[in-house]
Protein backbone atom coordinates (compact mmCIF):
# COMPACT_ATOMS: atom_id res chain seq x y z
CA MET A 1 6.65 81.56 -56.16
CA ALA A 2 8.81 79.63 -53.71
CA SER A 3 11.30 77.19 -55.13
CA SER A 4 10.95 73.50 -54.41
CA SER A 5 13.53 71.42 -52.63
CA PHE A 6 14.56 67.80 -53.00
CA TYR A 7 12.56 67.11 -49.84
CA ASP A 8 9.45 68.64 -51.42
CA MET A 9 9.84 66.51 -54.54
CA ALA A 10 10.69 63.26 -52.78
CA ILE A 11 8.73 63.31 -49.54
CA GLY A 12 5.93 65.58 -50.72
CA THR A 13 5.25 63.38 -53.73
CA VAL A 14 5.19 60.07 -51.87
CA ARG A 15 2.98 61.59 -49.18
CA ILE A 16 0.41 62.46 -51.86
CA GLN A 17 0.72 58.97 -53.33
CA LEU A 18 -0.06 57.45 -49.93
CA GLU A 19 -3.13 59.68 -49.64
CA MET A 20 -4.28 58.52 -53.08
CA LEU A 21 -3.75 54.91 -52.10
CA SER A 22 -5.62 55.38 -48.81
CA THR A 23 -8.62 56.77 -50.69
CA ILE A 24 -8.62 53.84 -53.09
CA ILE A 25 -8.36 51.32 -50.25
CA ALA A 26 -11.11 52.96 -48.18
CA LYS A 27 -13.51 52.93 -51.10
CA ALA A 28 -12.55 49.36 -52.05
CA GLU A 29 -13.10 48.12 -48.51
CA ALA A 30 -16.49 49.87 -48.30
CA SER A 31 -17.71 48.49 -51.63
CA PRO A 32 -20.09 45.54 -52.06
CA MET A 33 -17.23 43.74 -53.85
CA ALA A 34 -14.78 44.26 -50.97
CA ALA A 35 -14.07 40.57 -50.38
CA SER A 36 -12.93 39.96 -53.96
CA ILE A 37 -10.66 42.98 -54.35
CA PRO A 38 -7.49 42.01 -52.42
CA GLN A 39 -6.74 39.15 -54.82
CA ALA A 40 -8.31 40.74 -57.92
CA ARG A 41 -6.18 41.40 -61.01
CA ILE A 42 -6.60 43.38 -64.20
CA HIS A 43 -5.29 40.46 -66.23
CA GLU A 44 -4.40 36.91 -65.28
CA ASP A 45 -0.68 37.51 -65.85
CA MET A 46 -0.61 40.59 -63.58
CA LEU A 47 -0.17 40.62 -59.83
CA PRO A 48 -3.16 41.32 -57.53
CA PHE A 49 -4.41 44.43 -55.76
CA THR A 50 -2.53 43.58 -52.54
CA PHE A 51 0.74 43.32 -54.46
CA GLN A 52 0.15 46.75 -56.01
CA VAL A 53 -0.21 48.24 -52.52
CA ASP A 54 2.78 46.28 -51.22
CA CYS A 55 4.96 47.43 -54.12
CA ALA A 56 3.91 51.08 -53.84
CA THR A 57 4.61 51.13 -50.10
CA HIS A 58 7.85 49.18 -50.54
CA THR A 59 9.05 51.76 -53.07
CA ILE A 60 8.08 54.58 -50.71
CA HIS A 61 10.02 52.83 -47.95
CA ARG A 62 13.05 52.65 -50.26
CA CYS A 63 12.70 56.40 -50.82
CA LEU A 64 12.56 56.99 -47.08
CA ALA A 65 15.57 54.73 -46.50
CA LEU A 66 17.59 56.57 -49.13
CA THR A 67 16.63 60.05 -48.03
CA SER A 68 17.31 59.27 -44.37
CA GLY A 69 20.70 57.68 -45.05
CA GLN A 70 19.66 54.07 -44.37
CA PHE A 71 20.10 52.86 -47.93
CA PRO A 72 20.49 50.28 -49.29
CA MET A 73 17.83 48.51 -47.27
CA ALA A 74 17.14 44.82 -47.07
CA ASP A 75 14.13 43.96 -49.21
CA ASP A 76 12.75 41.74 -46.47
CA GLU A 77 12.20 44.81 -44.26
CA TRP A 78 8.96 45.38 -46.19
CA PRO A 79 7.98 41.96 -47.53
CA PHE A 80 5.38 41.49 -50.25
CA ASP A 81 2.95 39.47 -48.13
CA SER A 82 -0.24 41.46 -47.58
CA THR A 83 -3.49 39.56 -48.10
CA THR A 84 -6.06 41.62 -46.15
CA TYR A 85 -7.27 45.20 -45.87
CA GLU A 86 -5.94 45.33 -42.32
CA GLN A 87 -2.46 44.41 -43.49
CA ILE A 88 -2.38 46.91 -46.35
CA LYS A 89 -3.76 49.70 -44.15
CA ALA A 90 -1.06 48.87 -41.57
CA ARG A 91 1.62 49.21 -44.26
CA ILE A 92 0.29 52.62 -45.22
CA ALA A 93 0.12 53.71 -41.57
CA LYS A 94 3.73 52.58 -41.06
CA ALA A 95 4.88 54.57 -44.10
CA GLU A 96 2.95 57.63 -42.90
CA GLU A 97 4.61 57.36 -39.48
CA GLN A 98 8.02 57.27 -41.11
CA LEU A 99 7.19 60.23 -43.35
CA ALA A 100 6.19 62.26 -40.30
CA ILE A 101 9.66 62.03 -38.76
CA VAL A 102 11.85 62.57 -41.83
CA ASP A 103 14.31 65.42 -41.33
CA LYS A 104 13.94 67.94 -44.18
CA ASP A 105 17.54 69.19 -43.95
CA LYS A 106 18.97 65.66 -44.02
CA VAL A 107 16.90 64.81 -47.08
CA ASN A 108 17.97 67.97 -48.90
CA ALA A 109 21.63 67.26 -48.07
CA ARG A 110 21.42 63.89 -49.86
CA GLU A 111 20.16 65.18 -53.21
CA ASN A 112 23.46 64.63 -55.05
CA GLU A 113 24.64 61.62 -53.07
CA VAL A 114 25.34 58.63 -55.31
CA CYS A 115 23.59 55.40 -54.43
CA GLU A 116 23.50 51.89 -55.80
CA TRP A 117 20.57 49.51 -55.63
CA SER A 118 19.09 46.41 -57.18
CA LEU A 119 15.74 45.72 -58.78
CA ALA A 120 13.94 42.60 -59.89
CA ARG A 121 15.11 40.52 -56.96
CA GLY A 122 18.72 41.51 -57.50
CA THR A 123 18.92 40.84 -61.23
CA THR A 124 19.29 44.49 -62.24
CA HIS A 125 21.86 46.76 -60.58
CA LEU A 126 21.70 50.54 -60.84
CA LYS A 127 23.72 53.58 -59.79
CA ALA A 128 22.41 57.15 -59.65
CA THR A 129 22.20 60.21 -57.47
CA ALA A 130 19.46 60.35 -54.86
CA LEU A 131 17.64 62.92 -57.00
CA GLU A 132 17.79 60.61 -60.03
CA PHE A 133 16.67 57.63 -57.92
CA VAL A 134 13.59 59.52 -56.73
CA ARG A 135 12.79 61.16 -60.08
CA ASP A 136 13.48 58.17 -62.33
CA TYR A 137 12.43 55.26 -60.12
CA VAL A 138 10.49 56.13 -56.97
CA ILE A 139 7.95 58.53 -58.48
CA PRO A 140 7.07 56.61 -61.68
CA ASN A 141 7.13 53.20 -59.98
CA THR A 142 4.92 54.31 -57.13
CA TYR A 143 2.46 56.05 -59.44
CA PHE A 144 2.32 52.93 -61.62
CA HIS A 145 1.32 50.73 -58.69
CA VAL A 146 -1.14 53.27 -57.24
CA VAL A 147 -2.82 53.63 -60.65
CA THR A 148 -2.87 49.85 -61.09
CA ALA A 149 -4.55 49.47 -57.67
CA TYR A 150 -7.08 52.11 -58.79
CA ASP A 151 -7.68 50.25 -62.05
CA ILE A 152 -8.17 46.92 -60.29
CA ALA A 153 -10.66 48.49 -57.87
CA ARG A 154 -12.55 50.09 -60.78
CA LYS A 155 -12.59 46.78 -62.67
CA GLN A 156 -14.17 45.20 -59.57
CA GLY A 157 -16.92 47.83 -59.55
CA VAL A 158 -15.63 50.21 -56.88
CA GLU A 159 -17.09 53.68 -57.35
CA LEU A 160 -13.98 55.76 -57.86
CA SER A 161 -13.51 58.81 -60.03
CA LYS A 162 -10.62 60.86 -61.27
CA ARG A 163 -11.41 63.25 -58.41
CA ASP A 164 -10.64 60.48 -55.88
CA TYR A 165 -7.24 60.10 -57.49
CA ILE A 166 -6.39 63.76 -58.08
CA VAL A 167 -7.78 65.53 -54.98
CA PRO A 168 -5.08 64.32 -52.55
CA GLY A 169 -2.56 66.26 -54.63
CA LEU A 170 -4.69 69.22 -55.63
CA GLY A 171 -7.03 69.58 -52.66
CA LYS A 172 -4.78 72.00 -50.81
CA HIS A 173 -4.72 74.31 -53.84
CA VAL A 174 -8.48 74.65 -54.31
CA ILE A 175 -9.62 78.23 -53.71
CA SER A 176 -13.24 77.68 -54.68
CA ARG A 177 -15.47 75.05 -56.23
CA THR A 178 -19.04 75.03 -57.45
CA GLU A 179 -20.99 71.84 -57.84
CA GLY A 180 -22.38 71.15 -61.23
């Protein structure tokens, strides 16, 4: 078995997360409840579907900025302002374009580089290696917002299954499948 690199963990993981998010968005947009989903919430004190997409893509952009040596980035580079399917699909397309041009060797060279960043609109300051930043912040935060978008879509009646969520990550590993 081949060993994994920092690039594989960081870029490979966020690429799968974008695929998961794209599936959720496509099914949400095609559903009879499409118009209500962008502003839908799981609970009144939680942020809406569009915010979940914005936050997931913002976190992925932070990962790309760090791994390409452009970190810290200004938070206003990827504002939290999506309100439509077109806007959230454009954010995903922009992230996918950036992922396509990331240099694997440059990413791998940054694994142990120390970085500092802020969360919660600058109220929390952190310091960690790039590996720790990706492992401890990027991956769990992005998964949280992708899963929350999934949950909101399901709550609104979108026909999604675990397969829709899992297949982007596992699809390339399937060697056979029987229906049943």
